[in-house]
Structure formats: C-alpha cells, structure tokens
Amino acid sequence: MAAIAFFPFEFPEIPQVACAFTSRQGGVSEPPHDSANISFDVGDEPEAVAANRRMVFSRMGLTGWCELNQVHGDVIRFDPAPHSPDEHASEDGDGMTTAAPGHGLVVKTADCQPILLAHRSGRYVAGLHAGWRGNKIDFPGSGVRRFCEHYDLNPEDVFAVRGPSLGPTAAEFVNFETDFGPRFRPWYDREARTMDLWQLTRDQLMNAGVPESQIFGLDLCTMTMEETFFSYRKACASPVRDTGRQCGIIWIRP
C-alpha cells in the first residue's frame, strides 16, 4: 500500500486554511482505476476505494469528510454534515461550503476543475466542481456570489485556486456552437478547436468580484499528464473507457 501522492497548496496570508489536490499515484486500486481512485461511482472495488479515502483522510488530518454526488449543475450545499470516508455521498450538488474546522470539502475530478475558495479571515471555505457545463452556466461566478451572500462576505476578500484539470490545448470542442455558443468565442481557438477553460474560469471569478491577484491555478493538464492524473477524456479514447477520480480538498485547520 503506497502513500497517495498529492499537490499541496496554501493561500498567501491565510495559514488557517489548507488545500490539497490528489493524484492517481499511490493507493491500492487495480487497473483501470490504478491506483489512488477515491470515487465509489466508477466501478472500482468498494474496499479499495474506502482504503484510498481513509489514507487521504488520515494524511490530511481531517475530522470530517464532506462530498456530493456531482451532477454538473450549480447546487451548493451550505455547511453539510460530514460523514466517514468509508460512506457514500447522500446529496446531489456541485458546491459545498463550511465554517467548521477539520471538515474537508472533497471535489472529485477527472478533467473537470476543482475550484477551492477561502475567505481572508480563514473562517470560511468552499469547494466547487466545474466541468465545461459548469463554466457554461457560470458556476465559478455564481458559486462565489452565493458563498459570500451566505456568510455575509465581500468577494474582494475571497481567494481562489483552480486545481489540475483539462488544459487549454487539450480541451477540444468540435461542436462548439451547440456546446457553448457565440458568447464564448473569446475563449475559443477556432483553428485548434479548443477552449481555454482555465482562462474562462479566471474571468468568471473576476467578474464575481474576486481580485485577479487572489486567483491561483495549478497549470497541470489531466489529459496530457496521464501517468499522474485520471482523465475521463483520455479513458474514452481507449478501448477500456473506465478510469478513476482524484480530488481537490479544502479545509480549515483544526
């Protein structure tokens, strides 16, 4: 049983908040979910998934595990009750917030963007799951706005980090006009037929009031770094078509 490799991140000026983005390396799952799959919903052996999740839970020093059945929408669950990492999610949604120290907000991904938010005070955090459908409905922006409304915060005091996800050169959309439409042309490379979802997310966060200097990104492409990350698009181009999920996690240190 190898330890699960992850990429830590800390916001400047907010030492109370911790973030981590796991990889596919380490863990106990067998192919095609090798090896650090943390999702119960992709056909992996439940015992292996539970073992991987317990490793993450222990390594991060969490006191609670919060996750959702992600549905590519814009529903946010405020202050969800935590559960054991051995248990399945019980609620649908794509965003979570908490003010409870030690409760890890877990965003599962395999090309989609995990977007983690923290307030300057270190007392409030949020986790958003945004695939291209989430970008199309401006979930990064609406997520920030509702996070601030719920806790009576100023978006100028919000920090954001976008984790490993589908990079600009890999986000091909051959049906751009039906998938996105004319108003998204500024982020579309017509010749390459690719969307810069990273820049789109940055712009949507800025439009919601988050200062550009407080928006960060781990520019690691899940599709092109297949040895390091799970990629749904990469798997769909293979004969097997199954793959696992890594995650982005944010929590307030206990």
C-alpha atoms as a PDB file:
ATOM      1  CA  MET A   1       0.000   0.000   0.000  1.00  0.00           C
ATOM      2  CA  ALA A   2       1.784   3.119  -1.249  1.00  0.00           C
ATOM      3  CA  ALA A   3       1.003   6.567   0.107  1.00  0.00           C
ATOM      4  CA  ILE A   4      -1.135   8.661  -2.229  1.00  0.00           C
ATOM      5  CA  ALA A   5       0.838  11.453  -3.890  1.00  0.00           C
ATOM      6  CA  PHE A   6      -0.728  14.909  -3.780  1.00  0.00           C
ATOM      7  CA  PHE A   7      -0.028  18.547  -4.540  1.00  0.00           C
ATOM      8  CA  PRO A   8      -0.431  20.825  -1.503  1.00  0.00           C
ATOM      9  CA  PHE A   9      -1.429  24.461  -1.801  1.00  0.00           C
ATOM     10  CA  GLU A  10      -1.630  27.301   0.709  1.00  0.00           C
ATOM     11  CA  PHE A  11      -3.153  30.705   0.138  1.00  0.00           C
ATOM     12  CA  PRO A  12      -0.894  33.659   0.932  1.00  0.00           C
ATOM     13  CA  GLU A  13      -1.930  35.319   4.183  1.00  0.00           C
ATOM     14  CA  ILE A  14      -4.352  32.521   5.163  1.00  0.00           C
ATOM     15  CA  PRO A  15      -2.335  29.951   7.152  1.00  0.00           C
ATOM     16  CA  GLN A  16      -5.508  28.642   8.797  1.00  0.00           C
ATOM     17  CA  VAL A  17      -6.686  27.107   5.502  1.00  0.00           C
ATOM     18  CA  ALA A  18      -5.139  24.092   3.766  1.00  0.00           C
ATOM     19  CA  CYS A  19      -5.699  22.702   0.264  1.00  0.00           C
ATOM     20  CA  ALA A  20      -4.569  19.513  -1.434  1.00  0.00           C
ATOM     21  CA  PHE A  21      -5.009  18.016  -4.887  1.00  0.00           C
ATOM     22  CA  THR A  22      -4.514  14.258  -5.045  1.00  0.00           C
ATOM     23  CA  SER A  23      -3.064  12.343  -7.992  1.00  0.00           C
ATOM     24  CA  ARG A  24      -3.619   8.810  -9.267  1.00  0.00           C
ATOM     25  CA  GLN A  25      -0.264   7.689  -7.868  1.00  0.00           C
ATOM     26  CA  GLY A  26      -0.188   5.511  -4.760  1.00  0.00           C
ATOM     27  CA  GLY A  27      -3.201   3.788  -3.264  1.00  0.00           C
ATOM     28  CA  VAL A  28      -4.495   0.261  -3.768  1.00  0.00           C
ATOM     29  CA  SER A  29      -6.960   0.211  -6.689  1.00  0.00           C
ATOM     30  CA  GLU A  30      -6.334  -2.132  -9.608  1.00  0.00           C
ATOM     31  CA  PRO A  31      -6.425  -1.171 -13.320  1.00  0.00           C
ATOM     32  CA  PRO A  32      -8.165   0.658 -14.887  1.00  0.00           C
ATOM     33  CA  HIS A  33      -8.637   2.591 -11.625  1.00  0.00           C
ATOM     34  CA  ASP A  34      -4.981   2.356 -10.669  1.00  0.00           C
ATOM     35  CA  SER A  35      -4.162   3.277  -8.130  1.00  0.00           C
ATOM     36  CA  ALA A  36      -5.468   6.131  -5.997  1.00  0.00           C
ATOM     37  CA  ASN A  37      -9.110   6.270  -7.108  1.00  0.00           C
ATOM     38  CA  ILE A  38     -11.292   7.965  -4.489  1.00  0.00           C
ATOM     39  CA  SER A  39     -14.738   7.560  -6.147  1.00  0.00           C
ATOM     40  CA  PHE A  40     -17.243   4.826  -5.335  1.00  0.00           C
ATOM     41  CA  ASP A  41     -19.147   5.594  -8.558  1.00  0.00           C
ATOM     42  CA  VAL A  42     -16.801   4.418 -11.315  1.00  0.00           C
ATOM     43  CA  GLY A  43     -16.922   0.618 -10.986  1.00  0.00           C
ATOM     44  CA  ASP A  44     -13.932   0.191  -8.684  1.00  0.00           C
ATOM     45  CA  GLU A  45     -13.892  -2.323  -5.821  1.00  0.00           C
ATOM     46  CA  PRO A  46     -15.537  -0.595  -2.821  1.00  0.00           C
ATOM     47  CA  GLU A  47     -12.930  -1.940  -0.394  1.00  0.00           C
ATOM     48  CA  ALA A  48     -10.112  -0.421  -2.435  1.00  0.00           C
ATOM     49  CA  VAL A  49     -11.891   2.932  -2.726  1.00  0.00           C
ATOM     50  CA  ALA A  50     -12.537   3.022   1.016  1.00  0.00           C
ATOM     51  CA  ALA A  51      -8.884   2.245   1.730  1.00  0.00           C
ATOM     52  CA  ASN A  52      -7.750   5.065  -0.573  1.00  0.00           C
ATOM     53  CA  ARG A  53     -10.150   7.517   1.038  1.00  0.00           C
ATOM     54  CA  ARG A  54      -9.037   6.563   4.538  1.00  0.00           C
ATOM     55  CA  MET A  55      -5.446   7.230   3.513  1.00  0.00           C
ATOM     56  CA  VAL A  56      -6.338  10.712   2.293  1.00  0.00           C
ATOM     57  CA  PHE A  57      -8.464  11.421   5.381  1.00  0.00           C
ATOM     58  CA  SER A  58      -5.664  10.412   7.745  1.00  0.00           C
ATOM     59  CA  ARG A  59      -2.865  12.130   5.808  1.00  0.00           C
ATOM     60  CA  MET A  60      -4.702  15.455   5.748  1.00  0.00           C
ATOM     61  CA  GLY A  61      -5.612  15.259   9.429  1.00  0.00           C
ATOM     62  CA  LEU A  62      -9.330  15.741   8.761  1.00  0.00           C
ATOM     63  CA  THR A  63     -12.069  15.315  11.344  1.00  0.00           C
ATOM     64  CA  GLY A  64     -14.909  15.053   8.807  1.00  0.00           C
ATOM     65  CA  TRP A  65     -15.372  14.118   5.137  1.00  0.00           C
ATOM     66  CA  CYS A  66     -17.888  16.085   3.015  1.00  0.00           C
ATOM     67  CA  GLU A  67     -18.697  15.217  -0.604  1.00  0.00           C
ATOM     68  CA  LEU A  68     -21.615  15.235  -3.016  1.00  0.00           C
ATOM     69  CA  ASN A  69     -22.984  13.210  -5.898  1.00  0.00           C
ATOM     70  CA  GLN A  70     -21.736  15.632  -8.553  1.00  0.00           C
ATOM     71  CA  VAL A  71     -24.219  16.274 -11.341  1.00  0.00           C
ATOM     72  CA  HIS A  72     -22.685  19.126 -13.414  1.00  0.00           C
ATOM     73  CA  GLY A  73     -25.143  21.684 -12.067  1.00  0.00           C
ATOM     74  CA  ASP A  74     -24.977  24.700  -9.770  1.00  0.00           C
ATOM     75  CA  VAL A  75     -26.496  23.465  -6.499  1.00  0.00           C
ATOM     76  CA  ILE A  76     -24.498  24.419  -3.382  1.00  0.00           C
ATOM     77  CA  ARG A  77     -24.861  22.674  -0.024  1.00  0.00           C
ATOM     78  CA  PHE A  78     -24.097  25.035   2.837  1.00  0.00           C
ATOM     79  CA  ASP A  79     -22.416  23.554   5.915  1.00  0.00           C
ATOM     80  CA  PRO A  80     -23.135  19.912   5.022  1.00  0.00           C
ATOM     81  CA  ALA A  81     -22.930  17.295   7.751  1.00  0.00           C
ATOM     82  CA  PRO A  82     -19.683  15.332   7.455  1.00  0.00           C
ATOM     83  CA  HIS A  83     -19.553  11.564   7.191  1.00  0.00           C
ATOM     84  CA  SER A  84     -16.961   8.816   7.284  1.00  0.00           C
ATOM     85  CA  PRO A  85     -14.704   8.448   4.226  1.00  0.00           C
ATOM     86  CA  ASP A  86     -15.996   4.858   4.053  1.00  0.00           C
ATOM     87  CA  GLU A  87     -19.524   6.107   3.282  1.00  0.00           C
ATOM     88  CA  HIS A  88     -21.109   7.202   0.004  1.00  0.00           C
ATOM     89  CA  ALA A  89     -22.359  10.726  -0.578  1.00  0.00           C
ATOM     90  CA  SER A  90     -26.066  11.151   0.136  1.00  0.00           C
ATOM     91  CA  GLU A  91     -26.840  14.511  -1.526  1.00  0.00           C
ATOM     92  CA  ASP A  92     -26.574  15.810  -5.092  1.00  0.00           C
ATOM     93  CA  GLY A  93     -24.780  19.050  -5.895  1.00  0.00           C
ATOM     94  CA  ASP A  94     -21.564  20.587  -7.183  1.00  0.00           C
ATOM     95  CA  GLY A  95     -20.619  23.026  -4.444  1.00  0.00           C
ATOM     96  CA  MET A  96     -20.095  22.946  -0.683  1.00  0.00           C
ATOM     97  CA  THR A  97     -19.168  25.469   1.979  1.00  0.00           C
ATOM     98  CA  THR A  98     -18.193  25.149   5.628  1.00  0.00           C
ATOM     99  CA  ALA A  99     -17.153  27.184   8.633  1.00  0.00           C
ATOM    100  CA  ALA A 100     -16.324  24.069  10.668  1.00  0.00           C
ATOM    101  CA  PRO A 101     -12.614  23.384  11.282  1.00  0.00           C
ATOM    102  CA  GLY A 102     -11.428  19.969  10.184  1.00  0.00           C
ATOM    103  CA  HIS A 103     -14.282  19.284   7.762  1.00  0.00           C
ATOM    104  CA  GLY A 104     -12.718  18.531   4.388  1.00  0.00           C
ATOM    105  CA  LEU A 105     -14.718  19.571   1.318  1.00  0.00           C
ATOM    106  CA  VAL A 106     -13.905  16.913  -1.294  1.00  0.00           C
ATOM    107  CA  VAL A 107     -14.343  17.703  -5.010  1.00  0.00           C
ATOM    108  CA  LYS A 108     -13.907  14.656  -7.264  1.00  0.00           C
ATOM    109  CA  THR A 109     -12.462  15.197 -10.756  1.00  0.00           C
ATOM    110  CA  ALA A 110     -11.036  13.530 -13.859  1.00  0.00           C
ATOM    111  CA  ASP A 111     -10.667  16.563 -16.207  1.00  0.00           C
ATOM    112  CA  CYS A 112     -13.201  18.912 -14.575  1.00  0.00           C
ATOM    113  CA  GLN A 113     -11.938  21.819 -12.496  1.00  0.00           C
ATOM    114  CA  PRO A 114     -11.811  21.669  -8.709  1.00  0.00           C
ATOM    115  CA  ILE A 115     -12.142  25.299  -7.589  1.00  0.00           C
ATOM    116  CA  LEU A 116     -11.361  25.959  -3.931  1.00  0.00           C
ATOM    117  CA  LEU A 117     -12.314  29.222  -2.209  1.00  0.00           C
ATOM    118  CA  ALA A 118     -11.196  30.727   1.087  1.00  0.00           C
ATOM    119  CA  HIS A 119     -12.074  33.939   2.905  1.00  0.00           C
ATOM    120  CA  ARG A 120      -9.235  36.150   4.087  1.00  0.00           C
ATOM    121  CA  SER A 121     -10.251  35.548   7.720  1.00  0.00           C
ATOM    122  CA  GLY A 122      -9.589  31.823   7.372  1.00  0.00           C
ATOM    123  CA  ARG A 123     -13.009  31.121   8.883  1.00  0.00           C
ATOM    124  CA  TYR A 124     -14.935  30.162   5.734  1.00  0.00           C
ATOM    125  CA  VAL A 125     -14.114  27.899   2.789  1.00  0.00           C
ATOM    126  CA  ALA A 126     -15.879  26.439  -0.248  1.00  0.00           C
ATOM    127  CA  GLY A 127     -15.267  23.799  -2.888  1.00  0.00           C
ATOM    128  CA  LEU A 128     -16.770  23.907  -6.393  1.00  0.00           C
ATOM    129  CA  HIS A 129     -16.852  21.259  -9.135  1.00  0.00           C
ATOM    130  CA  ALA A 130     -16.900  22.825 -12.601  1.00  0.00           C
ATOM    131  CA  GLY A 131     -16.778  20.892 -15.832  1.00  0.00           C
ATOM    132  CA  TRP A 132     -17.401  22.711 -19.111  1.00  0.00           C
ATOM    133  CA  ARG A 133     -21.117  22.634 -18.351  1.00  0.00           C
ATOM    134  CA  GLY A 134     -20.364  24.392 -15.086  1.00  0.00           C
ATOM    135  CA  ASN A 135     -18.464  27.073 -16.980  1.00  0.00           C
ATOM    136  CA  LYS A 136     -21.338  27.437 -19.423  1.00  0.00           C
ATOM    137  CA  ILE A 137     -23.728  28.299 -16.568  1.00  0.00           C
ATOM    138  CA  ASP A 138     -21.075  30.440 -14.815  1.00  0.00           C
ATOM    139  CA  PHE A 139     -20.900  28.251 -11.737  1.00  0.00           C
ATOM    140  CA  PRO A 140     -17.492  29.688 -10.729  1.00  0.00           C
ATOM    141  CA  GLY A 141     -19.083  33.140 -10.582  1.00  0.00           C
ATOM    142  CA  SER A 142     -22.416  32.188  -9.032  1.00  0.00           C
ATOM    143  CA  GLY A 143     -20.603  29.959  -6.552  1.00  0.00           C
ATOM    144  CA  VAL A 144     -18.549  32.910  -5.300  1.00  0.00           C
ATOM    145  CA  ARG A 145     -21.598  35.135  -5.081  1.00  0.00           C
ATOM    146  CA  ARG A 146     -23.643  32.632  -3.058  1.00  0.00           C
ATOM    147  CA  PHE A 147     -20.667  31.801  -0.818  1.00  0.00           C
ATOM    148  CA  CYS A 148     -20.367  35.488   0.014  1.00  0.00           C
ATOM    149  CA  GLU A 149     -24.103  36.010   0.458  1.00  0.00           C
ATOM    150  CA  HIS A 150     -24.437  33.061   2.829  1.00  0.00           C
ATOM    151  CA  TYR A 151     -21.696  34.232   5.205  1.00  0.00           C
ATOM    152  CA  ASP A 152     -22.060  37.995   4.547  1.00  0.00           C
ATOM    153  CA  LEU A 153     -18.613  38.262   2.960  1.00  0.00           C
ATOM    154  CA  ASN A 154     -17.040  40.693   0.497  1.00  0.00           C
ATOM    155  CA  PRO A 155     -15.795  38.991  -2.697  1.00  0.00           C
ATOM    156  CA  GLU A 156     -12.722  41.245  -2.560  1.00  0.00           C
ATOM    157  CA  ASP A 157     -11.679  39.173   0.466  1.00  0.00           C
ATOM    158  CA  VAL A 158     -12.055  35.827  -1.311  1.00  0.00           C
ATOM    159  CA  PHE A 159      -9.087  33.812  -2.579  1.00  0.00           C
ATOM    160  CA  ALA A 160      -9.444  31.042  -5.183  1.00  0.00           C
ATOM    161  CA  VAL A 161      -7.314  28.238  -6.559  1.00  0.00           C
ATOM    162  CA  ARG A 162      -8.106  26.033  -9.563  1.00  0.00           C
ATOM    163  CA  GLY A 163      -6.604  22.568  -9.444  1.00  0.00           C
ATOM    164  CA  PRO A 164      -5.318  20.157 -12.117  1.00  0.00           C
ATOM    165  CA  SER A 165      -7.825  19.812 -14.955  1.00  0.00           C
ATOM    166  CA  LEU A 166      -8.224  19.796 -18.723  1.00  0.00           C
ATOM    167  CA  GLY A 167      -5.685  22.255 -20.130  1.00  0.00           C
ATOM    168  CA  PRO A 168      -6.227  24.801 -22.921  1.00  0.00           C
ATOM    169  CA  THR A 169      -4.531  22.748 -25.624  1.00  0.00           C
ATOM    170  CA  ALA A 170      -6.429  19.561 -24.696  1.00  0.00           C
ATOM    171  CA  ALA A 171      -9.964  20.939 -24.282  1.00  0.00           C
ATOM    172  CA  GLU A 172     -11.206  20.159 -27.782  1.00  0.00           C
ATOM    173  CA  PHE A 173     -14.806  21.055 -28.662  1.00  0.00           C
ATOM    174  CA  VAL A 174     -15.663  20.139 -32.231  1.00  0.00           C
ATOM    175  CA  ASN A 175     -19.311  21.106 -31.642  1.00  0.00           C
ATOM    176  CA  PHE A 176     -18.527  24.498 -30.138  1.00  0.00           C
ATOM    177  CA  GLU A 177     -21.614  26.277 -31.480  1.00  0.00           C
ATOM    178  CA  THR A 178     -24.014  23.804 -29.860  1.00  0.00           C
ATOM    179  CA  ASP A 179     -21.901  23.085 -26.744  1.00  0.00           C
ATOM    180  CA  PHE A 180     -21.123  26.738 -25.942  1.00  0.00           C
ATOM    181  CA  GLY A 181     -22.357  29.268 -28.479  1.00  0.00           C
ATOM    182  CA  PRO A 182     -21.321  32.736 -29.700  1.00  0.00           C
ATOM    183  CA  ARG A 183     -20.816  34.499 -26.355  1.00  0.00           C
ATOM    184  CA  PHE A 184     -17.969  32.099 -25.501  1.00  0.00           C
ATOM    185  CA  ARG A 185     -15.949  32.805 -28.669  1.00  0.00           C
ATOM    186  CA  PRO A 186     -13.338  34.939 -26.814  1.00  0.00           C
ATOM    187  CA  TRP A 187     -12.105  31.741 -25.113  1.00  0.00           C
ATOM    188  CA  TYR A 188     -12.294  29.517 -28.203  1.00  0.00           C
ATOM    189  CA  ASP A 189      -9.442  28.820 -30.613  1.00  0.00           C
ATOM    190  CA  ARG A 190     -11.323  28.207 -33.841  1.00  0.00           C
ATOM    191  CA  GLU A 191      -8.292  26.814 -35.672  1.00  0.00           C
ATOM    192  CA  ALA A 192      -7.334  24.331 -32.945  1.00  0.00           C
ATOM    193  CA  ARG A 193     -10.996  23.824 -31.903  1.00  0.00           C
ATOM    194  CA  THR A 194     -10.054  24.130 -28.242  1.00  0.00           C
ATOM    195  CA  MET A 195     -11.463  26.090 -25.289  1.00  0.00           C
ATOM    196  CA  ASP A 196      -9.315  27.828 -22.690  1.00  0.00           C
ATOM    197  CA  LEU A 197     -11.402  26.757 -19.711  1.00  0.00           C
ATOM    198  CA  TRP A 198      -8.682  27.889 -17.295  1.00  0.00           C
ATOM    199  CA  GLN A 199      -8.920  31.483 -18.517  1.00  0.00           C
ATOM    200  CA  LEU A 200     -12.711  31.299 -18.658  1.00  0.00           C
ATOM    201  CA  THR A 201     -12.827  30.275 -15.001  1.00  0.00           C
ATOM    202  CA  ARG A 202     -10.408  33.069 -14.066  1.00  0.00           C
ATOM    203  CA  ASP A 203     -12.560  35.605 -15.883  1.00  0.00           C
ATOM    204  CA  GLN A 204     -15.753  34.314 -14.273  1.00  0.00           C
ATOM    205  CA  LEU A 205     -14.188  34.538 -10.813  1.00  0.00           C
ATOM    206  CA  MET A 206     -13.034  38.092 -11.535  1.00  0.00           C
ATOM    207  CA  ASN A 207     -16.493  39.050 -12.793  1.00  0.00           C
ATOM    208  CA  ALA A 208     -17.847  37.870  -9.438  1.00  0.00           C
ATOM    209  CA  GLY A 209     -15.532  40.305  -7.662  1.00  0.00           C
ATOM    210  CA  VAL A 210     -12.510  38.170  -6.772  1.00  0.00           C
ATOM    211  CA  PRO A 211      -9.334  40.241  -7.373  1.00  0.00           C
ATOM    212  CA  GLU A 212      -7.085  38.838 -10.089  1.00  0.00           C
ATOM    213  CA  SER A 213      -4.115  38.850  -7.696  1.00  0.00           C
ATOM    214  CA  GLN A 214      -6.042  36.441  -5.427  1.00  0.00           C
ATOM    215  CA  ILE A 215      -6.793  33.856  -8.124  1.00  0.00           C
ATOM    216  CA  PHE A 216      -4.323  30.999  -8.460  1.00  0.00           C
ATOM    217  CA  GLY A 217      -4.077  27.934 -10.667  1.00  0.00           C
ATOM    218  CA  LEU A 218      -2.147  24.684 -10.797  1.00  0.00           C
ATOM    219  CA  ASP A 219      -1.493  24.563 -14.535  1.00  0.00           C
ATOM    220  CA  LEU A 220      -1.339  20.780 -14.738  1.00  0.00           C
ATOM    221  CA  CYS A 221      -3.334  19.171 -17.553  1.00  0.00           C
ATOM    222  CA  THR A 222      -5.023  15.943 -16.523  1.00  0.00           C
ATOM    223  CA  MET A 223      -5.318  14.626 -20.075  1.00  0.00           C
ATOM    224  CA  THR A 224      -1.701  15.137 -21.120  1.00  0.00           C
ATOM    225  CA  MET A 225      -0.281  14.013 -17.741  1.00  0.00           C
ATOM    226  CA  GLU A 226      -1.946  10.596 -17.814  1.00  0.00           C
ATOM    227  CA  GLU A 227       0.667   8.947 -15.586  1.00  0.00           C
ATOM    228  CA  THR A 228      -0.073  11.469 -12.848  1.00  0.00           C
ATOM    229  CA  PHE A 229      -3.829  12.087 -13.132  1.00  0.00           C
ATOM    230  CA  PHE A 230      -7.034  10.347 -14.099  1.00  0.00           C
ATOM    231  CA  SER A 231      -8.558  11.713 -17.305  1.00  0.00           C
ATOM    232  CA  TYR A 232     -12.073  10.874 -18.448  1.00  0.00           C
ATOM    233  CA  ARG A 233     -11.369  12.117 -21.978  1.00  0.00           C
ATOM    234  CA  LYS A 234      -8.228  10.027 -22.207  1.00  0.00           C
ATOM    235  CA  ALA A 235     -10.098   6.958 -20.999  1.00  0.00           C
ATOM    236  CA  CYS A 236     -12.918   7.497 -23.503  1.00  0.00           C
ATOM    237  CA  ALA A 237     -10.349   7.406 -26.309  1.00  0.00           C
ATOM    238  CA  SER A 238      -9.107   3.988 -25.141  1.00  0.00           C
ATOM    239  CA  PRO A 239     -10.684   0.528 -25.509  1.00  0.00           C
ATOM    240  CA  VAL A 240     -11.336   0.293 -21.744  1.00  0.00           C
ATOM    241  CA  ARG A 241     -13.178   3.633 -21.302  1.00  0.00           C
ATOM    242  CA  ASP A 242     -13.119   3.377 -17.476  1.00  0.00           C
ATOM    243  CA  THR A 243     -10.970   5.400 -15.110  1.00  0.00           C
ATOM    244  CA  GLY A 244     -10.841   6.668 -11.536  1.00  0.00           C
ATOM    245  CA  ARG A 245     -11.146  10.058  -9.877  1.00  0.00           C
ATOM    246  CA  GLN A 246      -8.691  12.224  -7.977  1.00  0.00           C
ATOM    247  CA  CYS A 247      -9.896  15.065  -5.783  1.00  0.00           C
ATOM    248  CA  GLY A 248      -9.318  18.590  -4.582  1.00  0.00           C
ATOM    249  CA  ILE A 249      -9.815  19.150  -0.850  1.00  0.00           C
ATOM    250  CA  ILE A 250     -10.028  22.315   1.215  1.00  0.00           C
ATOM    251  CA  TRP A 251     -10.380  22.557   4.977  1.00  0.00           C
ATOM    252  CA  ILE A 252      -9.898  24.886   7.906  1.00  0.00           C
ATOM    253  CA  ARG A 253      -7.134  23.573  10.089  1.00  0.00           C
ATOM    254  CA  PRO A 254      -8.494  22.366  13.478  1.00  0.00           C
END
